[in-house]
Every structure is written in structure tokens, then in C-alpha cells.
């Protein structure tokens, strides 16, 4: 059995069926985007399969692991601990699965809110999570096309869409997302 197949079995056991199907679609999308932009498609598939590894951890466990690991917790994260599922997921992946590839771990770590200076692999996972075929929102079809052509332009549009979604829901924005947006606007 291939390593990817083994990983799929592990992920299937950790996730609800609908989240597992989402994860498979993100992996397929990430692989396509990676190939379009000459990025390691195997790493993209691994990172995508793992991106929601911490998704169903209870809030108190997310906060506890984050505190133990020295992960920054502000009032936004305190009020919405699920934002930590990427950062804590990366910790758990390293502990549970022995995966130590920093490119993969960072792609998982920052897929929720992004960060200034994202690697191309991080961008692929962030974007793939937003445009996988199960996602339905105004502009997603145009964003899917853009993502195959221009990764940086697609990142900027994805961040913009994400900010709009969060604001429309009346939720607070993570400081990393705000910093990423400002960097994209100022530095292109």
C-alpha cells in the first residue's frame, strides 16, 4: 500500500465523512495547482490530506496544546479556538505520524489564516482549501481559473474573499490574515 493510501486511511478515521470528502477534493485540487506552478505535487498532496488533521480537536485541547507549544493566543483566538486547528494540527502530525517536513507542516500550520511570506506550497494549500470543487460562492469559478494561471493573484483574491466572508459573518479577523492582506496590498 502506498504512503498516500495509508495516510488517506488515517485521515478517514479522524474526520467526519463530509470533511474527509472535502479533504480528498482539496488534495486533488492542490495536486493540480502544484503541477500548474511546478511545485512538488507529492508534498502538495500530503499537505492537503493533512490540512484538517486537528479540525475536530475539542477547543480546550486546542488551547491547551497551543499554550504548551508557545503558540500565540490573542483575544481573537481565545474567542474562536478552532482557528488553532492548523497550528495544533501541525504539532499533532509531527507527534502522531512522525512527519517532520517543515514545508508540509507549515502548509498545514498556516492554511487557516495565512501569513506574510507564505511559501508557494503554503499558497497552494490555502487556495486549494478555498476553491476545491465542493465550494460554492460567487466568484469561485473565476478564482479556480485564476489559480491555475497566477498563484499570487489567486492568493490575493482568496484572502480578499476570506476576509469578506468572515466580516459578513460578524466574526473577528485573525491578526495574521490582516497582516497578510496588508502585505499583499503594499508589496504586491
N, C-alpha and C. Protein backbone atom coordinates (compact mmCIF):
# COMPACT_ATOMS: atom_id res chain seq x y z
N UNK A 1 0.85 -1.19 0.00
CA UNK A 1 0.00 0.00 0.00
C UNK A 1 0.89 1.24 0.00
N UNK A 2 0.57 2.19 -0.83
CA UNK A 2 1.38 3.41 -0.94
C UNK A 2 1.25 4.25 0.33
N UNK A 3 2.22 5.13 0.53
CA UNK A 3 2.19 6.03 1.68
C UNK A 3 0.96 6.93 1.65
N UNK A 4 0.58 7.40 0.46
CA UNK A 4 -0.60 8.26 0.35
C UNK A 4 -1.87 7.50 0.73
N UNK A 5 -1.95 6.23 0.33
CA UNK A 5 -3.12 5.41 0.69
C UNK A 5 -3.19 5.21 2.19
N UNK A 6 -2.04 4.94 2.82
CA UNK A 6 -2.00 4.79 4.27
C UNK A 6 -2.46 6.07 4.95
N UNK A 7 -1.99 7.18 4.44
CA UNK A 7 -2.37 8.46 5.00
C UNK A 7 -3.87 8.71 4.85
N UNK A 8 -4.42 8.37 3.70
CA UNK A 8 -5.86 8.51 3.49
C UNK A 8 -6.65 7.70 4.52
N UNK A 9 -6.20 6.50 4.83
CA UNK A 9 -6.89 5.67 5.82
C UNK A 9 -6.84 6.31 7.21
N UNK A 10 -5.69 6.86 7.56
CA UNK A 10 -5.55 7.54 8.85
C UNK A 10 -6.49 8.74 8.92
N UNK A 11 -6.49 9.52 7.86
CA UNK A 11 -7.33 10.73 7.81
C UNK A 11 -8.81 10.37 7.84
N UNK A 12 -9.19 9.34 7.13
CA UNK A 12 -10.60 8.91 7.10
C UNK A 12 -11.10 8.61 8.51
N UNK A 13 -10.25 8.02 9.33
CA UNK A 13 -10.65 7.68 10.70
C UNK A 13 -10.77 8.92 11.59
N UNK A 14 -10.03 9.99 11.29
CA UNK A 14 -10.02 11.20 12.12
C UNK A 14 -11.14 12.18 11.79
N UNK A 15 -11.66 12.11 10.57
CA UNK A 15 -12.59 13.13 10.09
C UNK A 15 -13.99 12.58 9.90
N UNK A 16 -14.97 13.46 9.99
CA UNK A 16 -16.34 13.11 9.63
C UNK A 16 -16.37 12.85 8.13
N UNK A 17 -17.31 12.04 7.65
CA UNK A 17 -17.34 11.71 6.21
C UNK A 17 -17.35 12.93 5.29
N UNK A 18 -18.12 13.94 5.61
CA UNK A 18 -18.18 15.13 4.74
C UNK A 18 -16.84 15.87 4.74
N UNK A 19 -16.16 15.92 5.88
CA UNK A 19 -14.86 16.58 5.96
C UNK A 19 -13.80 15.75 5.25
N UNK A 20 -13.92 14.43 5.31
CA UNK A 20 -12.99 13.58 4.58
C UNK A 20 -13.13 13.80 3.07
N UNK A 21 -14.36 13.86 2.59
CA UNK A 21 -14.58 14.10 1.15
C UNK A 21 -14.02 15.47 0.75
N UNK A 22 -14.23 16.47 1.59
CA UNK A 22 -13.64 17.79 1.35
C UNK A 22 -12.12 17.66 1.24
N UNK A 23 -11.53 16.93 2.16
CA UNK A 23 -10.07 16.77 2.19
C UNK A 23 -9.55 16.11 0.92
N UNK A 24 -10.25 15.11 0.44
CA UNK A 24 -9.85 14.44 -0.80
C UNK A 24 -9.93 15.43 -1.97
N UNK A 25 -10.97 16.27 -1.99
CA UNK A 25 -11.10 17.27 -3.06
C UNK A 25 -10.00 18.32 -2.95
N UNK A 26 -9.64 18.71 -1.73
CA UNK A 26 -8.54 19.66 -1.55
C UNK A 26 -7.25 19.04 -2.06
N UNK A 27 -7.02 17.78 -1.77
CA UNK A 27 -5.80 17.10 -2.23
C UNK A 27 -5.73 17.05 -3.75
N UNK A 28 -6.84 16.74 -4.38
CA UNK A 28 -6.87 16.70 -5.85
C UNK A 28 -6.62 18.09 -6.43
N UNK A 29 -7.23 19.10 -5.84
CA UNK A 29 -7.05 20.48 -6.30
C UNK A 29 -5.61 20.94 -6.07
N UNK A 30 -5.06 20.62 -4.91
CA UNK A 30 -3.68 21.01 -4.60
C UNK A 30 -2.69 20.37 -5.57
N UNK A 31 -2.92 19.13 -5.90
CA UNK A 31 -2.04 18.44 -6.85
C UNK A 31 -2.07 19.12 -8.21
N UNK A 32 -3.25 19.48 -8.67
CA UNK A 32 -3.40 20.17 -9.96
C UNK A 32 -2.68 21.53 -9.91
N UNK A 33 -2.93 22.30 -8.86
CA UNK A 33 -2.29 23.61 -8.75
C UNK A 33 -0.77 23.48 -8.67
N UNK A 34 -0.30 22.52 -7.92
CA UNK A 34 1.15 22.31 -7.80
C UNK A 34 1.75 21.99 -9.17
N UNK A 35 1.10 21.15 -9.92
CA UNK A 35 1.60 20.81 -11.26
C UNK A 35 1.58 22.03 -12.18
N UNK A 36 0.55 22.84 -12.08
CA UNK A 36 0.45 24.06 -12.91
C UNK A 36 1.61 25.02 -12.61
N UNK A 37 2.06 25.04 -11.36
CA UNK A 37 3.06 26.03 -10.94
C UNK A 37 4.42 25.41 -10.63
N UNK A 38 4.61 24.18 -11.09
CA UNK A 38 5.90 23.48 -10.94
C UNK A 38 6.36 23.43 -9.48
N UNK A 39 5.42 23.05 -8.62
CA UNK A 39 5.68 22.86 -7.19
C UNK A 39 5.58 21.35 -6.94
N UNK A 40 6.28 20.86 -5.95
CA UNK A 40 6.27 19.44 -5.62
C UNK A 40 4.83 18.95 -5.37
N UNK A 41 4.29 18.21 -6.33
CA UNK A 41 2.90 17.76 -6.25
C UNK A 41 2.69 16.72 -5.15
N UNK A 42 3.72 15.94 -4.86
CA UNK A 42 3.59 14.93 -3.80
C UNK A 42 3.47 15.64 -2.44
N UNK A 43 4.31 16.63 -2.21
CA UNK A 43 4.21 17.40 -0.96
C UNK A 43 2.85 18.10 -0.88
N UNK A 44 2.39 18.62 -1.99
CA UNK A 44 1.10 19.31 -2.00
C UNK A 44 -0.02 18.33 -1.62
N UNK A 45 0.04 17.13 -2.16
CA UNK A 45 -0.99 16.14 -1.84
C UNK A 45 -0.93 15.73 -0.37
N UNK A 46 0.27 15.50 0.15
CA UNK A 46 0.44 15.17 1.57
C UNK A 46 -0.12 16.29 2.45
N UNK A 47 0.31 17.51 2.18
CA UNK A 47 -0.14 18.64 3.00
C UNK A 47 -1.65 18.81 2.94
N UNK A 48 -2.21 18.64 1.77
CA UNK A 48 -3.67 18.78 1.62
C UNK A 48 -4.40 17.69 2.40
N UNK A 49 -3.90 16.46 2.32
CA UNK A 49 -4.54 15.38 3.06
C UNK A 49 -4.48 15.63 4.57
N UNK A 50 -3.45 16.30 5.01
CA UNK A 50 -3.25 16.54 6.44
C UNK A 50 -3.82 17.87 6.93
N UNK A 51 -4.28 18.73 6.03
CA UNK A 51 -4.57 20.10 6.43
C UNK A 51 -5.61 20.23 7.54
N UNK A 52 -6.55 19.32 7.65
CA UNK A 52 -7.57 19.39 8.70
C UNK A 52 -7.37 18.33 9.78
N UNK A 53 -6.15 17.87 9.96
CA UNK A 53 -5.84 16.83 10.94
C UNK A 53 -6.31 17.24 12.35
N UNK A 54 -6.20 18.50 12.67
CA UNK A 54 -6.60 18.98 14.00
C UNK A 54 -8.02 19.53 14.07
N UNK A 55 -8.79 19.38 13.01
CA UNK A 55 -10.09 20.03 12.89
C UNK A 55 -11.08 19.68 14.01
N UNK A 56 -11.08 18.45 14.46
CA UNK A 56 -12.09 18.03 15.43
C UNK A 56 -11.56 17.89 16.85
N UNK A 57 -10.42 18.49 17.11
CA UNK A 57 -9.93 18.52 18.48
C UNK A 57 -10.84 19.46 19.28
N UNK A 58 -11.17 19.08 20.50
CA UNK A 58 -12.01 19.97 21.33
C UNK A 58 -11.28 21.29 21.60
N UNK A 59 -12.06 22.35 21.77
CA UNK A 59 -11.48 23.68 21.97
C UNK A 59 -10.50 23.73 23.14
N UNK A 60 -10.83 23.07 24.24
CA UNK A 60 -9.92 23.11 25.38
C UNK A 60 -8.60 22.41 25.06
N UNK A 61 -8.64 21.37 24.25
CA UNK A 61 -7.39 20.69 23.86
C UNK A 61 -6.59 21.56 22.88
N UNK A 62 -7.28 22.20 21.94
CA UNK A 62 -6.59 23.12 21.03
C UNK A 62 -5.85 24.19 21.81
N UNK A 63 -6.55 24.81 22.75
CA UNK A 63 -5.94 25.87 23.55
C UNK A 63 -4.82 25.34 24.43
N UNK A 64 -5.02 24.16 25.01
CA UNK A 64 -4.01 23.57 25.87
C UNK A 64 -2.72 23.24 25.12
N UNK A 65 -2.86 22.61 23.96
CA UNK A 65 -1.69 22.29 23.15
C UNK A 65 -1.00 23.56 22.68
N UNK A 66 -1.80 24.53 22.26
CA UNK A 66 -1.23 25.81 21.80
C UNK A 66 -0.42 26.45 22.92
N UNK A 67 -0.97 26.48 24.12
CA UNK A 67 -0.23 27.07 25.25
C UNK A 67 1.05 26.29 25.54
N UNK A 68 0.94 24.97 25.54
CA UNK A 68 2.12 24.12 25.79
C UNK A 68 3.21 24.32 24.75
N UNK A 69 2.81 24.63 23.51
CA UNK A 69 3.76 24.78 22.41
C UNK A 69 4.21 26.23 22.22
N UNK A 70 3.68 27.13 23.03
CA UNK A 70 4.06 28.54 22.90
C UNK A 70 3.46 29.22 21.69
N UNK A 71 2.34 28.69 21.20
CA UNK A 71 1.64 29.31 20.07
C UNK A 71 0.88 30.53 20.59
N UNK A 72 1.02 31.62 19.88
CA UNK A 72 0.41 32.89 20.29
C UNK A 72 -1.11 32.78 20.32
N UNK A 73 -1.67 33.20 21.43
CA UNK A 73 -3.13 33.20 21.60
C UNK A 73 -3.54 34.61 22.00
N UNK A 74 -4.31 35.25 21.13
CA UNK A 74 -4.83 36.57 21.46
C UNK A 74 -6.33 36.45 21.71
N UNK A 75 -7.00 37.57 21.87
CA UNK A 75 -8.44 37.53 22.16
C UNK A 75 -9.25 36.97 21.00
N UNK A 76 -8.78 37.12 19.78
CA UNK A 76 -9.49 36.56 18.63
C UNK A 76 -9.45 35.04 18.69
N UNK A 77 -8.28 34.49 18.92
CA UNK A 77 -8.13 33.03 19.01
C UNK A 77 -8.83 32.51 20.26
N UNK A 78 -8.71 33.22 21.35
CA UNK A 78 -9.38 32.81 22.60
C UNK A 78 -10.89 32.69 22.39
N UNK A 79 -11.46 33.61 21.60
CA UNK A 79 -12.90 33.59 21.35
C UNK A 79 -13.30 32.58 20.27
N UNK A 80 -12.34 32.12 19.48
CA UNK A 80 -12.62 31.16 18.41
C UNK A 80 -11.45 30.16 18.31
N UNK A 81 -11.33 29.26 19.28
CA UNK A 81 -10.19 28.35 19.31
C UNK A 81 -10.04 27.46 18.08
N UNK A 82 -11.10 27.28 17.33
CA UNK A 82 -10.99 26.44 16.12
C UNK A 82 -9.99 27.01 15.13
N UNK A 83 -9.71 28.31 15.25
CA UNK A 83 -8.68 28.91 14.39
C UNK A 83 -7.33 28.23 14.57
N UNK A 84 -7.14 27.58 15.71
CA UNK A 84 -5.88 26.91 16.02
C UNK A 84 -5.73 25.54 15.36
N UNK A 85 -6.75 25.06 14.66
CA UNK A 85 -6.69 23.68 14.19
C UNK A 85 -5.54 23.43 13.21
N UNK A 86 -5.10 24.46 12.50
CA UNK A 86 -3.96 24.29 11.60
C UNK A 86 -2.65 24.22 12.38
N UNK A 87 -2.45 25.18 13.27
CA UNK A 87 -1.20 25.19 14.04
C UNK A 87 -1.10 23.97 14.95
N UNK A 88 -2.17 23.65 15.64
CA UNK A 88 -2.15 22.48 16.52
C UNK A 88 -2.10 21.20 15.67
N UNK A 89 -2.78 21.20 14.54
CA UNK A 89 -2.71 20.05 13.64
C UNK A 89 -1.28 19.73 13.24
N UNK A 90 -0.50 20.76 12.96
CA UNK A 90 0.91 20.54 12.59
C UNK A 90 1.68 19.90 13.74
N UNK A 91 1.41 20.33 14.95
CA UNK A 91 2.05 19.74 16.13
C UNK A 91 1.67 18.26 16.24
N UNK A 92 0.37 17.98 16.10
CA UNK A 92 -0.11 16.60 16.23
C UNK A 92 0.41 15.70 15.12
N UNK A 93 0.52 16.23 13.91
CA UNK A 93 1.05 15.46 12.78
C UNK A 93 2.48 15.03 13.07
N UNK A 94 3.26 15.96 13.58
CA UNK A 94 4.65 15.63 13.92
C UNK A 94 4.69 14.58 15.03
N UNK A 95 3.86 14.75 16.06
CA UNK A 95 3.85 13.82 17.19
C UNK A 95 3.27 12.46 16.81
N UNK A 96 2.10 12.47 16.18
CA UNK A 96 1.38 11.22 15.90
C UNK A 96 1.95 10.43 14.73
N UNK A 97 2.37 11.15 13.70
CA UNK A 97 2.75 10.49 12.45
C UNK A 97 4.25 10.55 12.17
N UNK A 98 4.96 11.33 12.96
CA UNK A 98 6.40 11.44 12.76
C UNK A 98 6.80 12.22 11.51
N UNK A 99 5.87 13.00 10.98
CA UNK A 99 6.18 13.81 9.80
C UNK A 99 6.90 15.07 10.27
N UNK A 100 8.08 15.29 9.71
CA UNK A 100 8.91 16.41 10.15
C UNK A 100 9.24 17.38 9.02
N UNK A 101 8.72 17.15 7.84
CA UNK A 101 8.98 18.02 6.70
C UNK A 101 8.36 19.39 6.97
N UNK A 102 9.21 20.39 7.17
CA UNK A 102 8.72 21.72 7.53
C UNK A 102 7.84 22.35 6.45
N UNK A 103 8.09 22.04 5.19
CA UNK A 103 7.22 22.57 4.12
C UNK A 103 5.79 22.08 4.30
N UNK A 104 5.65 20.79 4.55
CA UNK A 104 4.32 20.20 4.75
C UNK A 104 3.70 20.74 6.04
N UNK A 105 4.47 20.74 7.11
CA UNK A 105 3.93 21.22 8.39
C UNK A 105 3.51 22.68 8.31
N UNK A 106 4.30 23.52 7.65
CA UNK A 106 3.92 24.93 7.52
C UNK A 106 2.68 25.11 6.65
N UNK A 107 2.54 24.30 5.63
CA UNK A 107 1.33 24.38 4.79
C UNK A 107 0.09 24.05 5.61
N UNK A 108 0.20 23.08 6.50
CA UNK A 108 -0.90 22.74 7.40
C UNK A 108 -1.09 23.86 8.42
N UNK A 109 0.02 24.29 9.00
CA UNK A 109 0.02 25.28 10.08
C UNK A 109 -0.70 26.57 9.69
N UNK A 110 -0.49 27.03 8.45
CA UNK A 110 -0.98 28.35 8.05
C UNK A 110 -2.13 28.33 7.06
N UNK A 111 -2.75 27.17 6.85
CA UNK A 111 -3.82 27.11 5.85
C UNK A 111 -5.10 27.81 6.29
N UNK A 112 -5.25 28.08 7.57
CA UNK A 112 -6.49 28.67 8.06
C UNK A 112 -6.52 30.18 7.87
N UNK A 113 -5.43 30.85 8.23
CA UNK A 113 -5.44 32.31 8.19
C UNK A 113 -4.27 32.90 7.42
N UNK A 114 -3.37 32.06 6.91
CA UNK A 114 -2.25 32.55 6.12
C UNK A 114 -1.20 33.24 6.98
N UNK A 115 -0.21 33.77 6.30
CA UNK A 115 0.85 34.54 6.97
C UNK A 115 1.62 35.32 5.93
N UNK A 116 2.28 36.35 6.36
CA UNK A 116 3.17 37.11 5.48
C UNK A 116 4.33 36.18 5.10
N UNK A 117 4.71 36.19 3.83
CA UNK A 117 5.84 35.40 3.38
C UNK A 117 5.53 33.94 3.14
N UNK A 118 4.29 33.63 2.78
CA UNK A 118 3.92 32.24 2.54
C UNK A 118 4.76 31.64 1.40
N UNK A 119 5.15 30.38 1.59
CA UNK A 119 5.83 29.65 0.52
C UNK A 119 4.80 29.31 -0.56
N UNK A 120 5.29 28.92 -1.72
CA UNK A 120 4.37 28.53 -2.79
C UNK A 120 3.51 27.34 -2.38
N UNK A 121 4.08 26.39 -1.64
CA UNK A 121 3.29 25.25 -1.17
C UNK A 121 2.20 25.71 -0.21
N UNK A 122 2.53 26.61 0.69
CA UNK A 122 1.53 27.16 1.62
C UNK A 122 0.40 27.84 0.84
N UNK A 123 0.76 28.60 -0.18
CA UNK A 123 -0.25 29.26 -1.01
C UNK A 123 -1.16 28.24 -1.68
N UNK A 124 -0.57 27.19 -2.21
CA UNK A 124 -1.35 26.15 -2.89
C UNK A 124 -2.38 25.55 -1.94
N UNK A 125 -1.99 25.21 -0.72
CA UNK A 125 -2.92 24.59 0.23
C UNK A 125 -3.99 25.59 0.66
N UNK A 126 -3.60 26.81 0.93
CA UNK A 126 -4.55 27.85 1.32
C UNK A 126 -5.60 28.05 0.22
N UNK A 127 -5.15 28.15 -1.01
CA UNK A 127 -6.06 28.38 -2.13
C UNK A 127 -6.90 27.13 -2.42
N UNK A 128 -6.26 25.97 -2.45
CA UNK A 128 -6.98 24.72 -2.75
C UNK A 128 -8.12 24.49 -1.76
N UNK A 129 -7.89 24.83 -0.51
CA UNK A 129 -8.92 24.69 0.52
C UNK A 129 -10.13 25.56 0.19
N UNK A 130 -9.89 26.69 -0.44
CA UNK A 130 -10.97 27.65 -0.75
C UNK A 130 -11.67 27.37 -2.07
N UNK A 131 -11.00 26.66 -2.98
CA UNK A 131 -11.57 26.51 -4.33
C UNK A 131 -11.88 25.08 -4.72
N UNK A 132 -11.70 24.14 -3.81
CA UNK A 132 -11.99 22.75 -4.18
C UNK A 132 -13.41 22.66 -4.73
N UNK A 133 -13.69 21.65 -5.57
CA UNK A 133 -14.97 21.60 -6.30
C UNK A 133 -16.23 21.64 -5.45
N UNK A 134 -16.15 21.33 -4.17
CA UNK A 134 -17.32 21.39 -3.31
C UNK A 134 -17.66 22.78 -2.82
N UNK A 135 -16.78 23.73 -3.03
CA UNK A 135 -17.02 25.10 -2.59
C UNK A 135 -17.92 25.81 -3.59
N UNK A 136 -18.92 26.49 -3.07
CA UNK A 136 -19.88 27.21 -3.91
C UNK A 136 -20.05 28.61 -3.34
N UNK A 137 -19.55 29.60 -4.06
CA UNK A 137 -19.77 31.00 -3.68
C UNK A 137 -19.51 31.86 -4.92
N UNK A 138 -20.03 33.07 -4.89
CA UNK A 138 -19.84 33.98 -6.02
C UNK A 138 -18.36 34.19 -6.29
N UNK A 139 -17.96 33.99 -7.54
CA UNK A 139 -16.59 34.24 -7.94
C UNK A 139 -15.67 33.04 -7.86
N UNK A 140 -16.13 31.92 -7.32
CA UNK A 140 -15.22 30.78 -7.14
C UNK A 140 -14.77 30.19 -8.48
N UNK A 141 -15.64 30.19 -9.49
CA UNK A 141 -15.23 29.64 -10.79
C UNK A 141 -14.12 30.48 -11.42
N UNK A 142 -14.24 31.79 -11.33
CA UNK A 142 -13.19 32.67 -11.86
C UNK A 142 -11.90 32.49 -11.06
N UNK A 143 -12.03 32.31 -9.76
CA UNK A 143 -10.86 32.11 -8.91
C UNK A 143 -10.17 30.79 -9.24
N UNK A 144 -10.93 29.76 -9.55
CA UNK A 144 -10.33 28.48 -9.94
C UNK A 144 -9.48 28.63 -11.19
N UNK A 145 -9.98 29.39 -12.15
CA UNK A 145 -9.21 29.63 -13.39
C UNK A 145 -7.96 30.45 -13.09
N UNK A 146 -8.12 31.50 -12.31
CA UNK A 146 -7.00 32.36 -11.96
C UNK A 146 -5.91 31.58 -11.24
N UNK A 147 -6.31 30.68 -10.34
CA UNK A 147 -5.34 29.92 -9.54
C UNK A 147 -4.42 29.06 -10.41
N UNK A 148 -4.90 28.63 -11.54
CA UNK A 148 -4.08 27.81 -12.45
C UNK A 148 -3.08 28.67 -13.21
N UNK A 149 -3.36 29.96 -13.31
CA UNK A 149 -2.51 30.86 -14.11
C UNK A 149 -1.55 31.68 -13.26
N UNK A 150 -2.05 32.22 -12.14
CA UNK A 150 -1.27 33.19 -11.36
C UNK A 150 -1.51 32.95 -9.87
N UNK A 151 -0.59 32.26 -9.25
CA UNK A 151 -0.73 31.86 -7.85
C UNK A 151 -0.83 33.07 -6.92
N UNK A 152 -0.02 34.09 -7.17
CA UNK A 152 -0.03 35.27 -6.29
C UNK A 152 -1.32 36.07 -6.42
N UNK A 153 -1.80 36.24 -7.63
CA UNK A 153 -3.08 36.93 -7.83
C UNK A 153 -4.22 36.13 -7.19
N UNK A 154 -4.15 34.81 -7.31
CA UNK A 154 -5.17 33.95 -6.71
C UNK A 154 -5.11 34.03 -5.18
N UNK A 155 -3.91 34.11 -4.63
CA UNK A 155 -3.77 34.25 -3.18
C UNK A 155 -4.45 35.54 -2.72
N UNK A 156 -4.16 36.62 -3.41
CA UNK A 156 -4.74 37.91 -3.03
C UNK A 156 -6.27 37.86 -3.09
N UNK A 157 -6.81 37.26 -4.14
CA UNK A 157 -8.27 37.16 -4.26
C UNK A 157 -8.85 36.24 -3.19
N UNK A 158 -8.16 35.16 -2.89
CA UNK A 158 -8.63 34.23 -1.87
C UNK A 158 -8.65 34.90 -0.50
N UNK A 159 -7.61 35.64 -0.18
CA UNK A 159 -7.57 36.36 1.09
C UNK A 159 -8.70 37.39 1.14
N UNK A 160 -8.90 38.11 0.06
CA UNK A 160 -9.99 39.10 -0.01
C UNK A 160 -11.34 38.42 0.22
N UNK A 161 -11.57 37.30 -0.46
CA UNK A 161 -12.84 36.57 -0.30
C UNK A 161 -13.01 36.08 1.13
N UNK A 162 -11.92 35.58 1.71
CA UNK A 162 -11.96 35.07 3.08
C UNK A 162 -12.29 36.19 4.06
N UNK A 163 -11.66 37.33 3.89
CA UNK A 163 -11.94 38.47 4.77
C UNK A 163 -13.39 38.89 4.64
N UNK A 164 -13.89 38.98 3.42
CA UNK A 164 -15.29 39.36 3.21
C UNK A 164 -16.24 38.38 3.89
N UNK A 165 -15.94 37.09 3.77
CA UNK A 165 -16.77 36.05 4.39
C UNK A 165 -16.80 36.21 5.91
N UNK A 166 -15.63 36.37 6.50
CA UNK A 166 -15.53 36.49 7.96
C UNK A 166 -16.25 37.75 8.44
N UNK A 167 -16.06 38.85 7.73
CA UNK A 167 -16.72 40.10 8.11
C UNK A 167 -18.23 39.97 7.98
N UNK A 168 -18.71 39.36 6.89
CA UNK A 168 -20.15 39.18 6.71
C UNK A 168 -20.76 38.32 7.82
N UNK A 169 -19.98 37.38 8.33
CA UNK A 169 -20.45 36.53 9.43
C UNK A 169 -20.41 37.26 10.77
N UNK A 170 -19.76 38.43 10.79
CA UNK A 170 -19.67 39.20 12.03
C UNK A 170 -18.60 38.70 12.97
N UNK A 171 -17.61 37.98 12.44
CA UNK A 171 -16.53 37.45 13.27
C UNK A 171 -15.30 38.36 13.20
N UNK A 172 -14.45 38.21 14.19
CA UNK A 172 -13.20 38.96 14.22
C UNK A 172 -12.19 38.32 13.26
N UNK A 173 -11.33 39.15 12.70
CA UNK A 173 -10.29 38.67 11.80
C UNK A 173 -9.01 38.34 12.57
N UNK A 174 -8.38 37.24 12.19
CA UNK A 174 -7.10 36.87 12.80
C UNK A 174 -6.06 37.90 12.40
N UNK A 175 -5.20 38.26 13.30
CA UNK A 175 -4.19 39.27 13.02
C UNK A 175 -3.25 38.85 11.88
N UNK A 176 -3.00 37.57 11.73
CA UNK A 176 -2.14 37.10 10.64
C UNK A 176 -2.80 37.34 9.28
N UNK A 177 -4.12 37.21 9.22
CA UNK A 177 -4.83 37.46 7.97
C UNK A 177 -4.77 38.94 7.61
N UNK A 178 -4.94 39.78 8.61
CA UNK A 178 -4.86 41.23 8.38
C UNK A 178 -3.46 41.60 7.90
N UNK A 179 -2.45 41.06 8.55
CA UNK A 179 -1.07 41.35 8.15
C UNK A 179 -0.79 40.85 6.74
N UNK A 180 -1.31 39.66 6.41
CA UNK A 180 -1.12 39.11 5.06
C UNK A 180 -1.78 40.02 4.04
N UNK A 181 -3.01 40.43 4.29
CA UNK A 181 -3.72 41.30 3.36
C UNK A 181 -2.94 42.60 3.14
N UNK A 182 -2.52 43.22 4.24
CA UNK A 182 -1.78 44.47 4.13
C UNK A 182 -0.49 44.29 3.33
N UNK A 183 0.21 43.19 3.56
CA UNK A 183 1.43 42.90 2.82
C UNK A 183 1.14 42.71 1.33
N UNK A 184 0.07 42.00 1.01
CA UNK A 184 -0.28 41.78 -0.40
C UNK A 184 -0.63 43.09 -1.09
N UNK A 185 -1.30 43.98 -0.40
CA UNK A 185 -1.68 45.27 -0.98
C UNK A 185 -0.45 46.17 -1.13
N UNK A 186 0.37 46.21 -0.11
CA UNK A 186 1.51 47.13 -0.11
C UNK A 186 2.65 46.61 -1.00
N UNK A 187 2.94 45.33 -0.89
CA UNK A 187 4.12 44.76 -1.58
C UNK A 187 3.79 43.92 -2.79
N UNK A 188 2.49 43.80 -3.06
CA UNK A 188 2.07 43.05 -4.24
C UNK A 188 2.21 41.61 -4.04
